[in-house]
């Protein structure tokens, strides 16, 4: 994965086009975010949640609000979700750092 600049915007602020660092932020930071979700939930629960999200959005476009609403319930941890979606830079700073 490519390195993101320190001033890269949060995933939730990136427009849905591929301008600037948008593509890199969504796909590189997005992959790191999903890995953090997997670590938080465990493999089986993450697989069920990921499949549930796919079933929820299948056949339509989904935006950040859809993603946030689904994963807030699936994770049971709004702080983890918010840290990844709303933190600028390459990855969120863990609470307490």
PDB file of N, CA and C in Angstrom:
ATOM      1  N   UNK A   1       0.831  -1.174   0.000  1.00  0.00           N
ATOM      2  CA  UNK A   1       0.000   0.000   0.000  1.00  0.00           C
ATOM      3  C   UNK A   1       0.876   1.238   0.000  1.00  0.00           C
ATOM      4  N   UNK A   2       0.394   2.256  -0.652  1.00  0.00           N
ATOM      5  CA  UNK A   2       1.123   3.507  -0.692  1.00  0.00           C
ATOM      6  C   UNK A   2       0.970   4.278   0.601  1.00  0.00           C
ATOM      7  N   UNK A   3       1.956   5.096   0.899  1.00  0.00           N
ATOM      8  CA  UNK A   3       1.886   5.919   2.097  1.00  0.00           C
ATOM      9  C   UNK A   3       0.970   7.102   1.845  1.00  0.00           C
ATOM     10  N   UNK A   4       0.189   7.450   2.821  1.00  0.00           N
ATOM     11  CA  UNK A   4      -0.686   8.617   2.727  1.00  0.00           C
ATOM     12  C   UNK A   4       0.007   9.803   3.380  1.00  0.00           C
ATOM     13  N   UNK A   5      -0.233  10.994   2.847  1.00  0.00           N
ATOM     14  CA  UNK A   5       0.357  12.166   3.486  1.00  0.00           C
ATOM     15  C   UNK A   5      -0.272  12.411   4.849  1.00  0.00           C
ATOM     16  N   UNK A   6       0.471  13.054   5.739  1.00  0.00           N
ATOM     17  CA  UNK A   6      -0.032  13.336   7.092  1.00  0.00           C
ATOM     18  C   UNK A   6      -1.296  14.178   7.063  1.00  0.00           C
ATOM     19  N   UNK A   7      -1.457  14.996   6.021  1.00  0.00           N
ATOM     20  CA  UNK A   7      -2.630  15.866   5.944  1.00  0.00           C
ATOM     21  C   UNK A   7      -3.750  15.283   5.077  1.00  0.00           C
ATOM     22  N   UNK A   8      -3.673  13.992   4.786  1.00  0.00           N
ATOM     23  CA  UNK A   8      -4.731  13.354   3.998  1.00  0.00           C
ATOM     24  C   UNK A   8      -6.048  13.470   4.751  1.00  0.00           C
ATOM     25  N   UNK A   9      -7.132  13.792   4.053  1.00  0.00           N
ATOM     26  CA  UNK A   9      -8.419  13.925   4.747  1.00  0.00           C
ATOM     27  C   UNK A   9      -8.932  12.574   5.248  1.00  0.00           C
ATOM     28  N   UNK A  10      -9.896  12.633   6.135  1.00  0.00           N
ATOM     29  CA  UNK A  10     -10.539  11.430   6.648  1.00  0.00           C
ATOM     30  C   UNK A  10     -11.318  10.745   5.531  1.00  0.00           C
ATOM     31  N   UNK A  11     -11.522   9.432   5.647  1.00  0.00           N
ATOM     32  CA  UNK A  11     -12.272   8.683   4.641  1.00  0.00           C
ATOM     33  C   UNK A  11     -13.648   9.307   4.425  1.00  0.00           C
ATOM     34  N   UNK A  12     -14.309   9.693   5.496  1.00  0.00           N
ATOM     35  CA  UNK A  12     -15.663  10.246   5.398  1.00  0.00           C
ATOM     36  C   UNK A  12     -15.704  11.556   4.621  1.00  0.00           C
ATOM     37  N   UNK A  13     -14.574  12.227   4.466  1.00  0.00           N
ATOM     38  CA  UNK A  13     -14.521  13.512   3.768  1.00  0.00           C
ATOM     39  C   UNK A  13     -14.074  13.398   2.318  1.00  0.00           C
ATOM     40  N   UNK A  14     -13.687  12.208   1.890  1.00  0.00           N
ATOM     41  CA  UNK A  14     -13.166  12.017   0.541  1.00  0.00           C
ATOM     42  C   UNK A  14     -14.330  11.931  -0.450  1.00  0.00           C
ATOM     43  N   UNK A  15     -14.300  12.753  -1.507  1.00  0.00           N
ATOM     44  CA  UNK A  15     -15.380  12.670  -2.494  1.00  0.00           C
ATOM     45  C   UNK A  15     -15.347  11.321  -3.219  1.00  0.00           C
ATOM     46  N   UNK A  16     -16.481  10.907  -3.781  1.00  0.00           N
ATOM     47  CA  UNK A  16     -16.550   9.582  -4.403  1.00  0.00           C
ATOM     48  C   UNK A  16     -15.861   9.461  -5.757  1.00  0.00           C
ATOM     49  N   UNK A  17     -15.122  10.472  -6.173  1.00  0.00           N
ATOM     50  CA  UNK A  17     -14.374  10.357  -7.431  1.00  0.00           C
ATOM     51  C   UNK A  17     -12.926   9.992  -7.119  1.00  0.00           C
ATOM     52  N   UNK A  18     -12.119   9.831  -8.119  1.00  0.00           N
ATOM     53  CA  UNK A  18     -10.732   9.420  -7.920  1.00  0.00           C
ATOM     54  C   UNK A  18      -9.755  10.584  -8.026  1.00  0.00           C
ATOM     55  N   UNK A  19     -10.182  11.775  -7.662  1.00  0.00           N
ATOM     56  CA  UNK A  19      -9.298  12.937  -7.750  1.00  0.00           C
ATOM     57  C   UNK A  19      -8.348  12.985  -6.550  1.00  0.00           C
ATOM     58  N   UNK A  20      -7.206  13.600  -6.769  1.00  0.00           N
ATOM     59  CA  UNK A  20      -6.223  13.772  -5.707  1.00  0.00           C
ATOM     60  C   UNK A  20      -5.837  12.447  -5.076  1.00  0.00           C
ATOM     61  N   UNK A  21      -5.825  12.428  -3.759  1.00  0.00           N
ATOM     62  CA  UNK A  21      -5.482  11.220  -3.016  1.00  0.00           C
ATOM     63  C   UNK A  21      -6.713  10.370  -2.705  1.00  0.00           C
ATOM     64  N   UNK A  22      -7.871  10.750  -3.252  1.00  0.00           N
ATOM     65  CA  UNK A  22      -9.118  10.060  -2.920  1.00  0.00           C
ATOM     66  C   UNK A  22      -9.061   8.563  -3.092  1.00  0.00           C
ATOM     67  N   UNK A  23      -8.549   8.106  -4.214  1.00  0.00           N
ATOM     68  CA  UNK A  23      -8.473   6.672  -4.489  1.00  0.00           C
ATOM     69  C   UNK A  23      -7.598   5.976  -3.448  1.00  0.00           C
ATOM     70  N   UNK A  24      -6.436   6.535  -3.203  1.00  0.00           N
ATOM     71  CA  UNK A  24      -5.498   5.941  -2.251  1.00  0.00           C
ATOM     72  C   UNK A  24      -6.084   5.927  -0.841  1.00  0.00           C
ATOM     73  N   UNK A  25      -6.727   7.010  -0.453  1.00  0.00           N
ATOM     74  CA  UNK A  25      -7.301   7.087   0.887  1.00  0.00           C
ATOM     75  C   UNK A  25      -8.403   6.040   1.050  1.00  0.00           C
ATOM     76  N   UNK A  26      -9.324   5.992   0.088  1.00  0.00           N
ATOM     77  CA  UNK A  26     -10.431   5.046   0.209  1.00  0.00           C
ATOM     78  C   UNK A  26      -9.961   3.601   0.193  1.00  0.00           C
ATOM     79  N   UNK A  27      -9.051   3.260  -0.681  1.00  0.00           N
ATOM     80  CA  UNK A  27      -8.672   1.857  -0.828  1.00  0.00           C
ATOM     81  C   UNK A  27      -7.569   1.420   0.127  1.00  0.00           C
ATOM     82  N   UNK A  28      -6.560   2.207   0.324  1.00  0.00           N
ATOM     83  CA  UNK A  28      -5.496   1.817   1.249  1.00  0.00           C
ATOM     84  C   UNK A  28      -5.964   1.942   2.700  1.00  0.00           C
ATOM     85  N   UNK A  29      -6.464   3.118   3.063  1.00  0.00           N
ATOM     86  CA  UNK A  29      -6.922   3.296   4.441  1.00  0.00           C
ATOM     87  C   UNK A  29      -8.172   2.454   4.702  1.00  0.00           C
ATOM     88  N   UNK A  30      -8.998   2.287   3.673  1.00  0.00           N
ATOM     89  CA  UNK A  30     -10.181   1.445   3.806  1.00  0.00           C
ATOM     90  C   UNK A  30      -9.814   0.006   4.137  1.00  0.00           C
ATOM     91  N   UNK A  31      -8.771  -0.515   3.492  1.00  0.00           N
ATOM     92  CA  UNK A  31      -8.325  -1.885   3.770  1.00  0.00           C
ATOM     93  C   UNK A  31      -7.805  -1.997   5.194  1.00  0.00           C
ATOM     94  N   UNK A  32      -7.057  -1.012   5.643  1.00  0.00           N
ATOM     95  CA  UNK A  32      -6.568  -1.015   7.025  1.00  0.00           C
ATOM     96  C   UNK A  32      -7.729  -0.951   8.005  1.00  0.00           C
ATOM     97  N   UNK A  33      -8.749  -0.153   7.681  1.00  0.00           N
ATOM     98  CA  UNK A  33      -9.928  -0.025   8.532  1.00  0.00           C
ATOM     99  C   UNK A  33     -10.650  -1.373   8.658  1.00  0.00           C
ATOM    100  N   UNK A  34     -10.859  -2.052   7.529  1.00  0.00           N
ATOM    101  CA  UNK A  34     -11.546  -3.342   7.577  1.00  0.00           C
ATOM    102  C   UNK A  34     -10.732  -4.380   8.354  1.00  0.00           C
ATOM    103  N   UNK A  35      -9.427  -4.319   8.251  1.00  0.00           N
ATOM    104  CA  UNK A  35      -8.580  -5.221   9.041  1.00  0.00           C
ATOM    105  C   UNK A  35      -8.737  -4.930  10.532  1.00  0.00           C
ATOM    106  N   UNK A  36      -8.841  -3.663  10.901  1.00  0.00           N
ATOM    107  CA  UNK A  36      -9.073  -3.314  12.308  1.00  0.00           C
ATOM    108  C   UNK A  36     -10.426  -3.845  12.771  1.00  0.00           C
ATOM    109  N   UNK A  37     -11.430  -3.779  11.901  1.00  0.00           N
ATOM    110  CA  UNK A  37     -12.746  -4.324  12.242  1.00  0.00           C
ATOM    111  C   UNK A  37     -12.654  -5.842  12.437  1.00  0.00           C
ATOM    112  N   UNK A  38     -11.907  -6.524  11.566  1.00  0.00           N
ATOM    113  CA  UNK A  38     -11.750  -7.975  11.669  1.00  0.00           C
ATOM    114  C   UNK A  38     -11.074  -8.348  12.983  1.00  0.00           C
ATOM    115  N   UNK A  39     -10.044  -7.592  13.343  1.00  0.00           N
ATOM    116  CA  UNK A  39      -9.341  -7.858  14.597  1.00  0.00           C
ATOM    117  C   UNK A  39     -10.264  -7.634  15.796  1.00  0.00           C
ATOM    118  N   UNK A  40     -11.105  -6.618  15.699  1.00  0.00           N
ATOM    119  CA  UNK A  40     -12.030  -6.289  16.788  1.00  0.00           C
ATOM    120  C   UNK A  40     -13.106  -7.375  16.954  1.00  0.00           C
ATOM    121  N   UNK A  41     -13.647  -7.851  15.842  1.00  0.00           N
ATOM    122  CA  UNK A  41     -14.763  -8.800  15.882  1.00  0.00           C
ATOM    123  C   UNK A  41     -14.333 -10.264  15.911  1.00  0.00           C
ATOM    124  N   UNK A  42     -13.172 -10.564  15.368  1.00  0.00           N
ATOM    125  CA  UNK A  42     -12.769 -11.952  15.148  1.00  0.00           C
ATOM    126  C   UNK A  42     -13.188 -12.370  13.742  1.00  0.00           C
ATOM    127  N   UNK A  43     -12.546 -13.404  13.236  1.00  0.00           N
ATOM    128  CA  UNK A  43     -12.746 -13.815  11.846  1.00  0.00           C
ATOM    129  C   UNK A  43     -14.192 -14.169  11.506  1.00  0.00           C
ATOM    130  N   UNK A  44     -14.816 -15.022  12.299  1.00  0.00           N
ATOM    131  CA  UNK A  44     -16.164 -15.480  11.971  1.00  0.00           C
ATOM    132  C   UNK A  44     -17.190 -14.355  12.050  1.00  0.00           C
ATOM    133  N   UNK A  45     -17.160 -13.573  13.114  1.00  0.00           N
ATOM    134  CA  UNK A  45     -18.119 -12.471  13.256  1.00  0.00           C
ATOM    135  C   UNK A  45     -17.900 -11.420  12.170  1.00  0.00           C
ATOM    136  N   UNK A  46     -16.636 -11.167  11.841  1.00  0.00           N
ATOM    137  CA  UNK A  46     -16.367 -10.203  10.773  1.00  0.00           C
ATOM    138  C   UNK A  46     -16.915 -10.712   9.446  1.00  0.00           C
ATOM    139  N   UNK A  47     -16.699 -11.982   9.146  1.00  0.00           N
ATOM    140  CA  UNK A  47     -17.208 -12.546   7.892  1.00  0.00           C
ATOM    141  C   UNK A  47     -18.727 -12.435   7.815  1.00  0.00           C
ATOM    142  N   UNK A  48     -19.414 -12.731   8.915  1.00  0.00           N
ATOM    143  CA  UNK A  48     -20.880 -12.598   8.942  1.00  0.00           C
ATOM    144  C   UNK A  48     -21.285 -11.138   8.739  1.00  0.00           C
ATOM    145  N   UNK A  49     -20.611 -10.234   9.432  1.00  0.00           N
ATOM    146  CA  UNK A  49     -20.952  -8.814   9.319  1.00  0.00           C
ATOM    147  C   UNK A  49     -20.673  -8.300   7.911  1.00  0.00           C
ATOM    148  N   UNK A  50     -19.551  -8.688   7.339  1.00  0.00           N
ATOM    149  CA  UNK A  50     -19.193  -8.236   5.996  1.00  0.00           C
ATOM    150  C   UNK A  50     -20.221  -8.737   4.981  1.00  0.00           C
ATOM    151  N   UNK A  51     -20.614 -10.000   5.123  1.00  0.00           N
ATOM    152  CA  UNK A  51     -21.635 -10.570   4.235  1.00  0.00           C
ATOM    153  C   UNK A  51     -22.971  -9.855   4.435  1.00  0.00           C
ATOM    154  N   UNK A  52     -23.305  -9.537   5.673  1.00  0.00           N
ATOM    155  CA  UNK A  52     -24.533  -8.799   5.969  1.00  0.00           C
ATOM    156  C   UNK A  52     -24.542  -7.426   5.335  1.00  0.00           C
ATOM    157  N   UNK A  53     -23.391  -6.762   5.349  1.00  0.00           N
ATOM    158  CA  UNK A  53     -23.312  -5.447   4.715  1.00  0.00           C
ATOM    159  C   UNK A  53     -23.537  -5.578   3.218  1.00  0.00           C
ATOM    160  N   UNK A  54     -22.907  -6.564   2.621  1.00  0.00           N
ATOM    161  CA  UNK A  54     -23.100  -6.802   1.187  1.00  0.00           C
ATOM    162  C   UNK A  54     -24.577  -7.050   0.876  1.00  0.00           C
ATOM    163  N   UNK A  55     -25.228  -7.891   1.665  1.00  0.00           N
ATOM    164  CA  UNK A  55     -26.649  -8.186   1.443  1.00  0.00           C
ATOM    165  C   UNK A  55     -27.497  -6.938   1.615  1.00  0.00           C
ATOM    166  N   UNK A  56     -27.125  -6.073   2.532  1.00  0.00           N
ATOM    167  CA  UNK A  56     -27.873  -4.843   2.795  1.00  0.00           C
ATOM    168  C   UNK A  56     -27.800  -3.868   1.627  1.00  0.00           C
ATOM    169  N   UNK A  57     -26.633  -3.768   1.001  1.00  0.00           N
ATOM    170  CA  UNK A  57     -26.458  -2.759  -0.056  1.00  0.00           C
ATOM    171  C   UNK A  57     -26.526  -3.325  -1.468  1.00  0.00           C
ATOM    172  N   UNK A  58     -26.611  -4.623  -1.596  1.00  0.00           N
ATOM    173  CA  UNK A  58     -26.587  -5.243  -2.923  1.00  0.00           C
ATOM    174  C   UNK A  58     -27.637  -4.603  -3.825  1.00  0.00           C
ATOM    175  N   UNK A  59     -27.201  -4.263  -5.037  1.00  0.00           N
ATOM    176  CA  UNK A  59     -28.104  -3.726  -6.038  1.00  0.00           C
ATOM    177  C   UNK A  59     -28.331  -2.222  -5.962  1.00  0.00           C
ATOM    178  N   UNK A  60     -27.636  -1.546  -5.069  1.00  0.00           N
ATOM    179  CA  UNK A  60     -27.783  -0.087  -4.984  1.00  0.00           C
ATOM    180  C   UNK A  60     -26.460   0.548  -4.579  1.00  0.00           C
ATOM    181  N   UNK A  61     -26.375   1.828  -4.764  1.00  0.00           N
ATOM    182  CA  UNK A  61     -25.184   2.559  -4.338  1.00  0.00           C
ATOM    183  C   UNK A  61     -25.267   2.778  -2.829  1.00  0.00           C
ATOM    184  N   UNK A  62     -24.127   2.737  -2.199  1.00  0.00           N
ATOM    185  CA  UNK A  62     -24.052   2.992  -0.757  1.00  0.00           C
ATOM    186  C   UNK A  62     -23.049   4.097  -0.516  1.00  0.00           C
ATOM    187  N   UNK A  63     -23.367   4.978   0.371  1.00  0.00           N
ATOM    188  CA  UNK A  63     -22.465   6.062   0.728  1.00  0.00           C
ATOM    189  C   UNK A  63     -21.945   5.896   2.148  1.00  0.00           C
ATOM    190  N   UNK A  64     -21.232   6.892   2.596  1.00  0.00           N
ATOM    191  CA  UNK A  64     -20.641   6.855   3.930  1.00  0.00           C
ATOM    192  C   UNK A  64     -21.701   6.700   5.009  1.00  0.00           C
ATOM    193  N   UNK A  65     -22.840   7.359   4.856  1.00  0.00           N
ATOM    194  CA  UNK A  65     -23.903   7.245   5.869  1.00  0.00           C
ATOM    195  C   UNK A  65     -24.410   5.811   5.974  1.00  0.00           C
ATOM    196  N   UNK A  66     -24.545   5.126   4.837  1.00  0.00           N
ATOM    197  CA  UNK A  66     -24.973   3.721   4.853  1.00  0.00           C
ATOM    198  C   UNK A  66     -23.935   2.850   5.551  1.00  0.00           C
ATOM    199  N   UNK A  67     -22.675   3.076   5.202  1.00  0.00           N
ATOM    200  CA  UNK A  67     -21.574   2.314   5.795  1.00  0.00           C
ATOM    201  C   UNK A  67     -21.531   2.540   7.299  1.00  0.00           C
ATOM    202  N   UNK A  68     -21.621   3.807   7.704  1.00  0.00           N
ATOM    203  CA  UNK A  68     -21.545   4.162   9.125  1.00  0.00           C
ATOM    204  C   UNK A  68     -22.707   3.527   9.905  1.00  0.00           C
ATOM    205  N   UNK A  69     -23.910   3.618   9.375  1.00  0.00           N
ATOM    206  CA  UNK A  69     -25.081   3.073  10.076  1.00  0.00           C
ATOM    207  C   UNK A  69     -24.963   1.566  10.263  1.00  0.00           C
ATOM    208  N   UNK A  70     -24.574   0.859   9.221  1.00  0.00           N
ATOM    209  CA  UNK A  70     -24.465  -0.597   9.320  1.00  0.00           C
ATOM    210  C   UNK A  70     -23.365  -1.008  10.296  1.00  0.00           C
ATOM    211  N   UNK A  71     -22.170  -0.467  10.105  1.00  0.00           N
ATOM    212  CA  UNK A  71     -21.030  -0.917  10.898  1.00  0.00           C
ATOM    213  C   UNK A  71     -21.095  -0.425  12.337  1.00  0.00           C
ATOM    214  N   UNK A  72     -21.804   0.657  12.605  1.00  0.00           N
ATOM    215  CA  UNK A  72     -21.981   1.093  13.998  1.00  0.00           C
ATOM    216  C   UNK A  72     -22.673  -0.018  14.790  1.00  0.00           C
ATOM    217  N   UNK A  73     -23.716  -0.598  14.208  1.00  0.00           N
ATOM    218  CA  UNK A  73     -24.416  -1.697  14.871  1.00  0.00           C
ATOM    219  C   UNK A  73     -23.577  -2.977  14.878  1.00  0.00           C
ATOM    220  N   UNK A  74     -22.950  -3.289  13.767  1.00  0.00           N
ATOM    221  CA  UNK A  74     -22.176  -4.535  13.653  1.00  0.00           C
ATOM    222  C   UNK A  74     -20.989  -4.558  14.615  1.00  0.00           C
ATOM    223  N   UNK A  75     -20.325  -3.418  14.773  1.00  0.00           N
ATOM    224  CA  UNK A  75     -19.140  -3.365  15.633  1.00  0.00           C
ATOM    225  C   UNK A  75     -19.487  -3.226  17.106  1.00  0.00           C
ATOM    226  N   UNK A  76     -20.600  -2.551  17.379  1.00  0.00           N
ATOM    227  CA  UNK A  76     -20.909  -2.250  18.766  1.00  0.00           C
ATOM    228  C   UNK A  76     -19.884  -1.325  19.387  1.00  0.00           C
ATOM    229  N   UNK A  77     -19.157  -0.601  18.542  1.00  0.00           N
ATOM    230  CA  UNK A  77     -18.074   0.273  19.013  1.00  0.00           C
ATOM    231  C   UNK A  77     -18.015   1.496  18.109  1.00  0.00           C
ATOM    232  N   UNK A  78     -18.770   2.522  18.468  1.00  0.00           N
ATOM    233  CA  UNK A  78     -18.821   3.731  17.650  1.00  0.00           C
ATOM    234  C   UNK A  78     -17.485   4.468  17.639  1.00  0.00           C
ATOM    235  N   UNK A  79     -16.694   4.339  18.710  1.00  0.00           N
ATOM    236  CA  UNK A  79     -15.401   5.017  18.765  1.00  0.00           C
ATOM    237  C   UNK A  79     -14.437   4.449  17.722  1.00  0.00           C
ATOM    238  N   UNK A  80     -14.420   3.118  17.574  1.00  0.00           N
ATOM    239  CA  UNK A  80     -13.558   2.494  16.571  1.00  0.00           C
ATOM    240  C   UNK A  80     -13.959   2.935  15.166  1.00  0.00           C
ATOM    241  N   UNK A  81     -15.235   2.892  14.891  1.00  0.00           N
ATOM    242  CA  UNK A  81     -15.733   3.301  13.580  1.00  0.00           C
ATOM    243  C   UNK A  81     -15.415   4.765  13.304  1.00  0.00           C
ATOM    244  N   UNK A  82     -15.723   5.636  14.250  1.00  0.00           N
ATOM    245  CA  UNK A  82     -15.464   7.058  14.079  1.00  0.00           C
ATOM    246  C   UNK A  82     -13.988   7.371  13.918  1.00  0.00           C
ATOM    247  N   UNK A  83     -13.147   6.653  14.650  1.00  0.00           N
ATOM    248  CA  UNK A  83     -11.707   6.892  14.540  1.00  0.00           C
ATOM    249  C   UNK A  83     -11.235   6.639  13.112  1.00  0.00           C
ATOM    250  N   UNK A  84     -11.696   5.554  12.509  1.00  0.00           N
ATOM    251  CA  UNK A  84     -11.256   5.244  11.150  1.00  0.00           C
ATOM    252  C   UNK A  84     -11.904   6.148  10.104  1.00  0.00           C
ATOM    253  N   UNK A  85     -13.186   6.431  10.240  1.00  0.00           N
ATOM    254  CA  UNK A  85     -13.858   7.242   9.212  1.00  0.00           C
ATOM    255  C   UNK A  85     -13.538   8.721   9.320  1.00  0.00           C
ATOM    256  N   UNK A  86     -13.287   9.203  10.516  1.00  0.00           N
ATOM    257  CA  UNK A  86     -13.206  10.650  10.727  1.00  0.00           C
ATOM    258  C   UNK A  86     -11.810  11.192  11.011  1.00  0.00           C
ATOM    259  N   UNK A  87     -10.809  10.320  11.129  1.00  0.00           N
ATOM    260  CA  UNK A  87      -9.443  10.774  11.422  1.00  0.00           C
ATOM    261  C   UNK A  87      -8.680  11.056  10.141  1.00  0.00           C
ATOM    262  N   UNK A  88      -8.004  12.200  10.054  1.00  0.00           N
ATOM    263  CA  UNK A  88      -7.152  12.468   8.901  1.00  0.00           C
ATOM    264  C   UNK A  88      -5.859  11.672   8.997  1.00  0.00           C
ATOM    265  N   UNK A  89      -5.087  11.698   7.933  1.00  0.00           N
ATOM    266  CA  UNK A  89      -3.794  11.015   7.913  1.00  0.00           C
ATOM    267  C   UNK A  89      -3.914   9.580   7.457  1.00  0.00           C
ATOM    268  N   UNK A  90      -2.894   8.793   7.721  1.00  0.00           N
ATOM    269  CA  UNK A  90      -2.853   7.436   7.195  1.00  0.00           C
ATOM    270  C   UNK A  90      -3.641   6.442   8.030  1.00  0.00           C
ATOM    271  N   UNK A  91      -3.772   6.678   9.310  1.00  0.00           N
ATOM    272  CA  UNK A  91      -4.558   5.805  10.182  1.00  0.00           C
ATOM    273  C   UNK A  91      -4.857   6.571  11.456  1.00  0.00           C
ATOM    274  N   UNK A  92      -5.898   6.161  12.176  1.00  0.00           N
ATOM    275  CA  UNK A  92      -6.227   6.903  13.399  1.00  0.00           C
ATOM    276  C   UNK A  92      -5.197   6.695  14.493  1.00  0.00           C
ATOM    277  N   UNK A  93      -5.127   7.647  15.368  1.00  0.00           N
ATOM    278  CA  UNK A  93      -4.281   7.528  16.548  1.00  0.00           C
ATOM    279  C   UNK A  93      -5.105   6.805  17.599  1.00  0.00           C
ATOM    280  N   UNK A  94      -4.580   5.728  18.174  1.00  0.00           N
ATOM    281  CA  UNK A  94      -5.345   5.006  19.193  1.00  0.00           C
ATOM    282  C   UNK A  94      -5.700   5.919  20.369  1.00  0.00           C
ATOM    283  N   UNK A  95      -6.862   5.698  20.979  1.00  0.00           N
ATOM    284  CA  UNK A  95      -7.229   6.521  22.143  1.00  0.00           C
ATOM    285  C   UNK A  95      -6.135   6.461  23.204  1.00  0.00           C
ATOM    286  N   UNK A  96      -5.871   7.601  23.811  1.00  0.00           N
ATOM    287  CA  UNK A  96      -4.861   7.670  24.852  1.00  0.00           C
ATOM    288  C   UNK A  96      -3.465   7.986  24.372  1.00  0.00           C
ATOM    289  N   UNK A  97      -3.235   7.979  23.050  1.00  0.00           N
ATOM    290  CA  UNK A  97      -1.895   8.312  22.515  1.00  0.00           C
ATOM    291  C   UNK A  97      -1.785   9.795  22.225  1.00  0.00           C
TER     292      UNK A  97
END
